[in-house]
């Protein structure tokens, strides 16, 4: 039997007094119990003071509908030596989610403690809902152990049932398109070596059913105090539809540009050349010469305009100048 120093009980009581964890000692007999001791955090759950609950029956301070479940928890804790569990309770302080444990101190005496994880569970619930609605895959990479965890959407992204296998860095690479694999491999190696993970990386994947998709990865490293990287968190999003939409919009833009160019060429050059042909047929050489020069000038303007449009998209390009070469005397 372990012998504790004289200050042991006092230290526990002082710690429990200031701890946000809920500590309570209950003597359970039959279908009800008596609160032998509790800290302030436990009393706050019932919106009471400690003096209001010590010595009172559990049924007097706790909703009756939970008594059967509590009795079963105490019975299981006695049989197994301890019991860990998570419960949702509607109490005077409101709805709370508690991560709890119970250990027997004697035949009918039990110590229970509980941590309020309401905020954490609600955050997890909302995150799960957002990832489900958006289809975003989440991963967590422990750089020390090389362990990787995926959320359900991450499995679905690659065409697998959630939890179908234990993920690892290499498993991700198996689904990367062969032509993009070297790029992703370099990014993973940089992350493993301690370099900054790519803020965003776009590449193609091949799902389990052979379907090809395009994804975006956004990653963030978590470091300790001295700056050593501990974990990498990442979000993977399927952007295939966005990429296809952008490609379609680009095709439409190019088609519209080509249409404008064709109309401009027809209005400013083709018609001028038609006039040249007509003048030549009428043996009006001087008129044909003037119209030809006008057509060349129009062509120069069209080409300059086209080069200016290209420069606006691809950067500075010197527009080429079309020059009219001098002709021999009397030549058109």
Protein backbone atom coordinates (compact mmCIF):
# COMPACT_ATOMS: atom_id res chain seq x y z
CA UNK A 1 0.00 0.00 0.00
CA UNK A 2 1.36 3.41 -0.95
CA UNK A 3 2.09 5.69 2.00
CA UNK A 4 1.58 9.36 1.21
CA UNK A 5 3.21 12.25 3.08
CA UNK A 6 1.17 14.27 5.57
CA UNK A 7 0.61 17.12 3.15
CA UNK A 8 -0.87 14.89 0.43
CA UNK A 9 -4.56 15.41 1.22
CA UNK A 10 -4.16 19.14 1.79
CA UNK A 11 -2.34 19.57 -1.51
CA UNK A 12 -5.09 17.76 -3.39
CA UNK A 13 -7.81 19.83 -1.73
CA UNK A 14 -6.06 23.12 -2.51
CA UNK A 15 -5.49 22.07 -6.10
CA UNK A 16 -9.12 20.99 -6.50
CA UNK A 17 -10.31 24.28 -5.04
CA UNK A 18 -8.76 26.31 -7.87
CA UNK A 19 -8.96 23.73 -10.66
CA UNK A 20 -11.47 24.17 -13.52
CA UNK A 21 -11.92 20.39 -13.39
CA UNK A 22 -14.98 19.11 -11.51
CA UNK A 23 -14.10 16.88 -8.53
CA UNK A 24 -16.76 15.15 -6.45
CA UNK A 25 -16.82 12.24 -3.97
CA UNK A 26 -20.11 10.36 -3.84
CA UNK A 27 -21.26 7.53 -1.59
CA UNK A 28 -23.65 5.56 -3.75
CA UNK A 29 -26.23 3.21 -2.22
CA UNK A 30 -28.94 1.57 -4.27
CA UNK A 31 -30.61 4.07 -6.59
CA UNK A 32 -29.22 7.26 -5.09
CA UNK A 33 -26.16 8.63 -3.38
CA UNK A 34 -24.83 11.30 -1.05
CA UNK A 35 -22.33 14.01 -1.99
CA UNK A 36 -19.52 13.57 0.53
CA UNK A 37 -17.25 16.26 -0.91
CA UNK A 38 -17.07 18.52 -3.97
CA UNK A 39 -15.06 21.45 -5.26
CA UNK A 40 -16.39 24.81 -6.39
CA UNK A 41 -16.29 23.91 -10.09
CA UNK A 42 -18.67 20.99 -9.45
CA UNK A 43 -21.10 23.16 -7.51
CA UNK A 44 -21.03 25.74 -10.32
CA UNK A 45 -22.42 23.13 -12.73
CA UNK A 46 -25.57 23.07 -10.64
CA UNK A 47 -25.44 26.86 -10.18
CA UNK A 48 -24.94 26.34 -6.43
CA UNK A 49 -22.32 26.92 -3.75
CA UNK A 50 -20.21 24.06 -2.34
CA UNK A 51 -22.04 24.32 0.98
CA UNK A 52 -25.33 23.78 -0.88
CA UNK A 53 -24.41 20.33 -2.19
CA UNK A 54 -22.12 18.63 0.35
CA UNK A 55 -24.17 16.26 2.46
CA UNK A 56 -27.15 16.33 0.14
CA UNK A 57 -28.58 13.50 -1.93
CA UNK A 58 -27.50 13.38 -5.58
CA UNK A 59 -31.15 13.37 -6.63
CA UNK A 60 -31.60 16.70 -4.85
CA UNK A 61 -28.93 18.50 -6.85
CA UNK A 62 -28.78 16.51 -10.07
CA UNK A 63 -31.58 15.83 -12.61
CA UNK A 64 -33.39 12.55 -11.87
CA UNK A 65 -33.24 11.38 -15.49
CA UNK A 66 -29.48 10.83 -15.17
CA UNK A 67 -29.52 8.76 -11.95
CA UNK A 68 -29.86 5.36 -13.65
CA UNK A 69 -26.92 6.16 -15.94
CA UNK A 70 -24.82 7.35 -12.98
CA UNK A 71 -25.56 4.15 -11.06
CA UNK A 72 -24.40 2.11 -14.07
CA UNK A 73 -21.20 4.16 -14.34
CA UNK A 74 -20.38 3.53 -10.68
CA UNK A 75 -21.09 -0.19 -11.07
CA UNK A 76 -18.82 -0.41 -14.12
CA UNK A 77 -16.06 1.60 -12.40
CA UNK A 78 -16.18 -0.79 -9.44
CA UNK A 79 -15.94 -3.84 -11.70
CA UNK A 80 -13.18 -2.46 -13.95
CA UNK A 81 -11.27 -0.46 -11.35
CA UNK A 82 -11.94 2.82 -13.19
CA UNK A 83 -14.06 4.22 -15.99
CA UNK A 84 -13.49 6.98 -18.53
CA UNK A 85 -16.43 8.37 -20.47
CA UNK A 86 -17.86 11.45 -22.15
CA UNK A 87 -21.40 12.65 -21.54
CA UNK A 88 -23.70 15.50 -22.49
CA UNK A 89 -25.73 16.91 -19.62
CA UNK A 90 -28.55 19.45 -19.35
CA UNK A 91 -27.83 21.13 -16.02
CA UNK A 92 -28.72 24.38 -14.28
CA UNK A 93 -25.69 26.05 -15.88
CA UNK A 94 -26.85 24.92 -19.34
CA UNK A 95 -25.93 22.13 -21.73
CA UNK A 96 -22.38 20.90 -21.18
CA UNK A 97 -20.20 18.16 -22.60
CA UNK A 98 -18.00 16.53 -19.95
CA UNK A 99 -14.95 14.35 -20.41
CA UNK A 100 -15.05 12.40 -17.18
CA UNK A 101 -13.57 9.55 -15.16
CA UNK A 102 -14.69 7.68 -12.06
CA UNK A 103 -12.59 5.57 -9.70
CA UNK A 104 -13.82 3.59 -6.68
CA UNK A 105 -12.40 4.62 -3.29
CA UNK A 106 -14.20 1.85 -1.42
CA UNK A 107 -17.17 -0.45 -1.75
CA UNK A 108 -19.70 2.37 -2.12
CA UNK A 109 -17.43 5.42 -2.30
CA UNK A 110 -16.44 6.95 -5.65
CA UNK A 111 -14.31 9.87 -6.83
CA UNK A 112 -15.31 11.44 -10.13
CA UNK A 113 -13.71 14.24 -12.05
CA UNK A 114 -14.84 15.92 -15.24
CA UNK A 115 -13.43 18.45 -17.67
CA UNK A 116 -15.80 20.77 -19.51
CA UNK A 117 -15.08 20.21 -23.22
CA UNK A 118 -18.24 21.89 -24.49
CA UNK A 119 -16.41 24.54 -26.50
CA UNK A 120 -13.94 22.03 -27.98
CA UNK A 121 -16.68 19.62 -29.04
CA UNK A 122 -18.80 22.38 -30.55
CA UNK A 123 -15.78 23.67 -32.44
CA UNK A 124 -15.06 20.16 -33.70
CA UNK A 125 -18.71 19.73 -34.69
CA UNK A 126 -18.74 22.99 -36.64
CA UNK A 127 -15.41 22.18 -38.29
CA UNK A 128 -16.69 18.74 -39.30
CA UNK A 129 -19.83 20.34 -40.73
CA UNK A 130 -17.83 22.91 -42.70
CA UNK A 131 -15.43 20.30 -44.11
CA UNK A 132 -18.35 18.07 -45.04
CA UNK A 133 -20.17 20.89 -46.83
CA UNK A 134 -17.04 22.15 -48.61
CA UNK A 135 -15.42 18.75 -49.16
CA UNK A 136 -12.18 20.02 -47.62
CA UNK A 137 -9.70 17.39 -46.48
CA UNK A 138 -7.69 18.06 -43.33
CA UNK A 139 -4.43 16.41 -42.34
CA UNK A 140 -2.08 16.60 -39.36
CA UNK A 141 1.54 15.54 -39.71
CA UNK A 142 3.62 14.92 -36.58
CA UNK A 143 7.18 15.58 -37.74
CA UNK A 144 8.74 13.87 -34.71
CA UNK A 145 6.92 10.55 -35.12
CA UNK A 146 6.04 10.87 -38.83
CA UNK A 147 2.45 10.00 -37.89
CA UNK A 148 -0.29 11.41 -40.09
CA UNK A 149 -4.00 11.74 -39.40
CA UNK A 150 -6.74 12.52 -41.93
CA UNK A 151 -10.32 13.62 -41.46
CA UNK A 152 -13.13 11.73 -43.20
CA UNK A 153 -13.24 14.14 -46.15
CA UNK A 154 -9.56 13.51 -46.84
CA UNK A 155 -10.28 9.81 -47.37
CA UNK A 156 -13.28 10.62 -49.58
CA UNK A 157 -11.18 13.06 -51.61
CA UNK A 158 -9.01 10.13 -52.75
CA UNK A 159 -11.98 7.83 -53.28
CA UNK A 160 -11.69 5.76 -50.06
CA UNK A 161 -14.08 5.05 -47.22
CA UNK A 162 -13.17 7.01 -44.07
CA UNK A 163 -10.73 5.06 -41.91
CA UNK A 164 -10.04 2.49 -44.65
CA UNK A 165 -6.33 2.51 -43.76
CA UNK A 166 -3.79 4.22 -41.52
CA UNK A 167 -2.57 7.27 -43.45
CA UNK A 168 1.08 8.15 -43.84
CA UNK A 169 3.01 10.65 -45.97
CA UNK A 170 3.77 8.03 -48.61
CA UNK A 171 0.10 7.13 -48.96
CA UNK A 172 -0.68 10.65 -50.10
CA UNK A 173 2.06 10.52 -52.72
CA UNK A 174 0.62 7.30 -54.11
CA UNK A 175 -2.41 9.29 -55.28
CA UNK A 176 -0.47 12.18 -56.80
CA UNK A 177 -0.52 12.27 -60.61
CA UNK A 178 2.78 10.81 -61.94
CA UNK A 179 3.62 14.05 -63.79
CA UNK A 180 3.22 16.09 -60.56
CA UNK A 181 4.79 13.60 -58.17
CA UNK A 182 8.31 15.03 -58.24
CA UNK A 183 6.99 18.50 -57.37
CA UNK A 184 5.01 17.18 -54.40
CA UNK A 185 7.87 14.92 -53.32
CA UNK A 186 10.19 17.92 -53.18
CA UNK A 187 7.65 19.83 -51.07
CA UNK A 188 7.31 16.90 -48.63
CA UNK A 189 11.09 16.53 -48.41
CA UNK A 190 11.46 20.24 -47.69
CA UNK A 191 8.89 19.98 -44.93
CA UNK A 192 10.58 16.95 -43.42
CA UNK A 193 13.98 18.68 -43.52
CA UNK A 194 12.67 21.67 -41.62
CA UNK A 195 12.05 24.06 -44.47
CA UNK A 196 8.92 26.16 -44.63
CA UNK A 197 5.99 24.18 -46.07
CA UNK A 198 4.53 25.53 -49.28
CA UNK A 199 1.85 28.09 -48.46
CA UNK A 200 -0.14 26.76 -51.40
CA UNK A 201 0.51 23.98 -53.87
CA UNK A 202 -1.73 22.94 -56.76
CA UNK A 203 -1.37 19.53 -58.34
CA UNK A 204 -3.35 16.68 -59.81
CA UNK A 205 -4.38 13.46 -58.10
CA UNK A 206 -5.62 10.07 -59.27
CA UNK A 207 -8.47 8.73 -57.15
CA UNK A 208 -8.89 5.07 -56.22
CA UNK A 209 -11.43 4.71 -59.08
CA UNK A 210 -8.93 6.16 -61.60
CA UNK A 211 -10.63 9.55 -61.84
CA UNK A 212 -8.26 12.49 -62.16
CA UNK A 213 -8.86 15.63 -60.10
CA UNK A 214 -7.00 18.85 -59.30
CA UNK A 215 -6.43 19.89 -55.69
CA UNK A 216 -5.02 22.84 -53.79
CA UNK A 217 -3.01 22.29 -50.58
CA UNK A 218 -2.56 24.98 -47.94
CA UNK A 219 -0.20 24.11 -45.10
CA UNK A 220 0.87 25.73 -41.85
CA UNK A 221 3.72 24.64 -39.56
CA UNK A 222 3.46 24.79 -35.75
CA UNK A 223 6.66 25.44 -33.83
CA UNK A 224 7.74 25.32 -30.20
CA UNK A 225 9.27 28.23 -28.26
CA UNK A 226 12.77 28.04 -29.82
CA UNK A 227 11.22 27.77 -33.27
CA UNK A 228 11.63 24.05 -33.96
CA UNK A 229 8.83 22.76 -36.15
CA UNK A 230 6.59 20.19 -34.44
CA UNK A 231 3.56 19.67 -36.66
CA UNK A 232 2.23 20.57 -40.06
CA UNK A 233 -1.48 21.17 -40.49
CA UNK A 234 -2.90 21.20 -43.98
CA UNK A 235 -6.12 21.71 -45.91
CA UNK A 236 -6.65 19.96 -49.23
CA UNK A 237 -9.46 21.20 -51.46
CA UNK A 238 -10.75 19.82 -54.75
CA UNK A 239 -10.58 22.68 -57.27
CA UNK A 240 -11.24 20.65 -60.41
CA UNK A 241 -14.49 22.45 -61.21
CA UNK A 242 -12.86 25.85 -60.63
CA UNK A 243 -9.96 24.97 -62.93
CA UNK A 244 -12.35 23.74 -65.64
CA UNK A 245 -14.44 26.91 -65.29
CA UNK A 246 -11.32 29.08 -65.60
CA UNK A 247 -10.22 27.10 -68.67
CA UNK A 248 -13.69 27.50 -70.23
CA UNK A 249 -13.70 31.24 -69.50
CA UNK A 250 -10.25 31.55 -71.09
CA UNK A 251 -11.46 29.72 -74.20
CA UNK A 252 -14.48 32.01 -74.42
CA UNK A 253 -12.23 35.06 -73.98
CA UNK A 254 -9.89 33.89 -76.73
CA UNK A 255 -12.80 33.13 -79.03
CA UNK A 256 -14.21 36.62 -78.46
CA UNK A 257 -10.78 38.13 -79.09
CA UNK A 258 -10.40 36.16 -82.33
CA UNK A 259 -13.85 37.25 -83.42
CA UNK A 260 -12.98 40.90 -82.79
CA UNK A 261 -9.72 40.44 -84.71
CA UNK A 262 -11.51 38.82 -87.65
CA UNK A 263 -14.04 41.65 -87.81
CA UNK A 264 -11.28 44.26 -87.60
CA UNK A 265 -9.25 42.58 -90.36
CA UNK A 266 -12.34 42.37 -92.55
CA UNK A 267 -13.41 45.98 -91.98
CA UNK A 268 -9.99 47.62 -92.19
CA UNK A 269 -7.89 45.40 -94.46
CA UNK A 270 -10.01 43.05 -96.57
CA UNK A 271 -12.25 45.84 -97.79
CA UNK A 272 -9.20 48.01 -98.57
CA UNK A 273 -7.65 45.16 -100.59
CA UNK A 274 -10.92 44.68 -102.43
CA UNK A 275 -10.74 48.32 -103.47
CA UNK A 276 -7.16 47.76 -104.69
CA UNK A 277 -8.28 44.81 -106.83
CA UNK A 278 -11.14 46.86 -108.25
CA UNK A 279 -8.80 49.76 -109.11
CA UNK A 280 -6.34 47.39 -110.82
CA UNK A 281 -9.15 45.88 -112.88
CA UNK A 282 -10.02 49.41 -114.02
CA UNK A 283 -6.36 50.19 -114.73
CA UNK A 284 -6.44 52.94 -112.16
CA UNK A 285 -2.86 52.37 -111.05
CA UNK A 286 -2.49 55.45 -108.88
CA UNK A 287 -5.72 54.75 -107.04
CA UNK A 288 -4.66 51.13 -106.53
CA UNK A 289 -1.32 52.31 -105.16
CA UNK A 290 -2.98 54.68 -102.69
CA UNK A 291 -5.44 52.02 -101.52
CA UNK A 292 -2.59 49.50 -101.12
CA UNK A 293 -0.67 51.92 -98.92
CA UNK A 294 -3.84 52.51 -96.90
CA UNK A 295 -4.29 48.74 -96.50
CA UNK A 296 -0.69 48.38 -95.25
CA UNK A 297 -1.28 51.19 -92.77
CA UNK A 298 -4.45 49.50 -91.56
CA UNK A 299 -2.59 46.20 -91.18
CA UNK A 300 0.11 47.94 -89.16
CA UNK A 301 -2.50 49.42 -86.83
CA UNK A 302 -4.26 46.06 -86.38
CA UNK A 303 -0.98 44.26 -85.58
CA UNK A 304 0.03 46.99 -83.11
CA UNK A 305 -3.33 46.72 -81.36
CA UNK A 306 -3.02 42.92 -81.14
CA UNK A 307 0.50 43.14 -79.71
CA UNK A 308 -0.72 45.68 -77.15
CA UNK A 309 -3.44 43.24 -76.01
CA UNK A 310 -0.87 40.45 -75.67
CA UNK A 311 1.46 42.75 -73.72
CA UNK A 312 -1.32 43.56 -71.29
CA UNK A 313 -1.56 39.86 -70.40
CA UNK A 314 1.98 38.53 -70.84
CA UNK A 315 4.09 41.58 -70.03
CA UNK A 316 5.90 44.17 -72.04
CA UNK A 317 6.31 43.36 -75.73
CA UNK A 318 7.76 45.79 -78.25
CA UNK A 319 5.19 46.24 -80.95
CA UNK A 320 6.78 45.59 -84.31
CA UNK A 321 6.54 48.42 -86.86
CA UNK A 322 5.46 47.45 -90.34
CA UNK A 323 7.28 49.60 -92.87
CA UNK A 324 6.34 50.20 -96.47
CA UNK A 325 9.39 49.40 -98.55
CA UNK A 326 10.14 51.88 -101.34
CA UNK A 327 9.35 50.59 -104.82
CA UNK A 328 11.11 51.12 -108.08
CA UNK A 329 9.98 54.04 -110.14
CA UNK A 330 6.65 53.33 -111.75
CA UNK A 331 6.02 50.12 -109.80
CA UNK A 332 2.73 49.96 -107.89
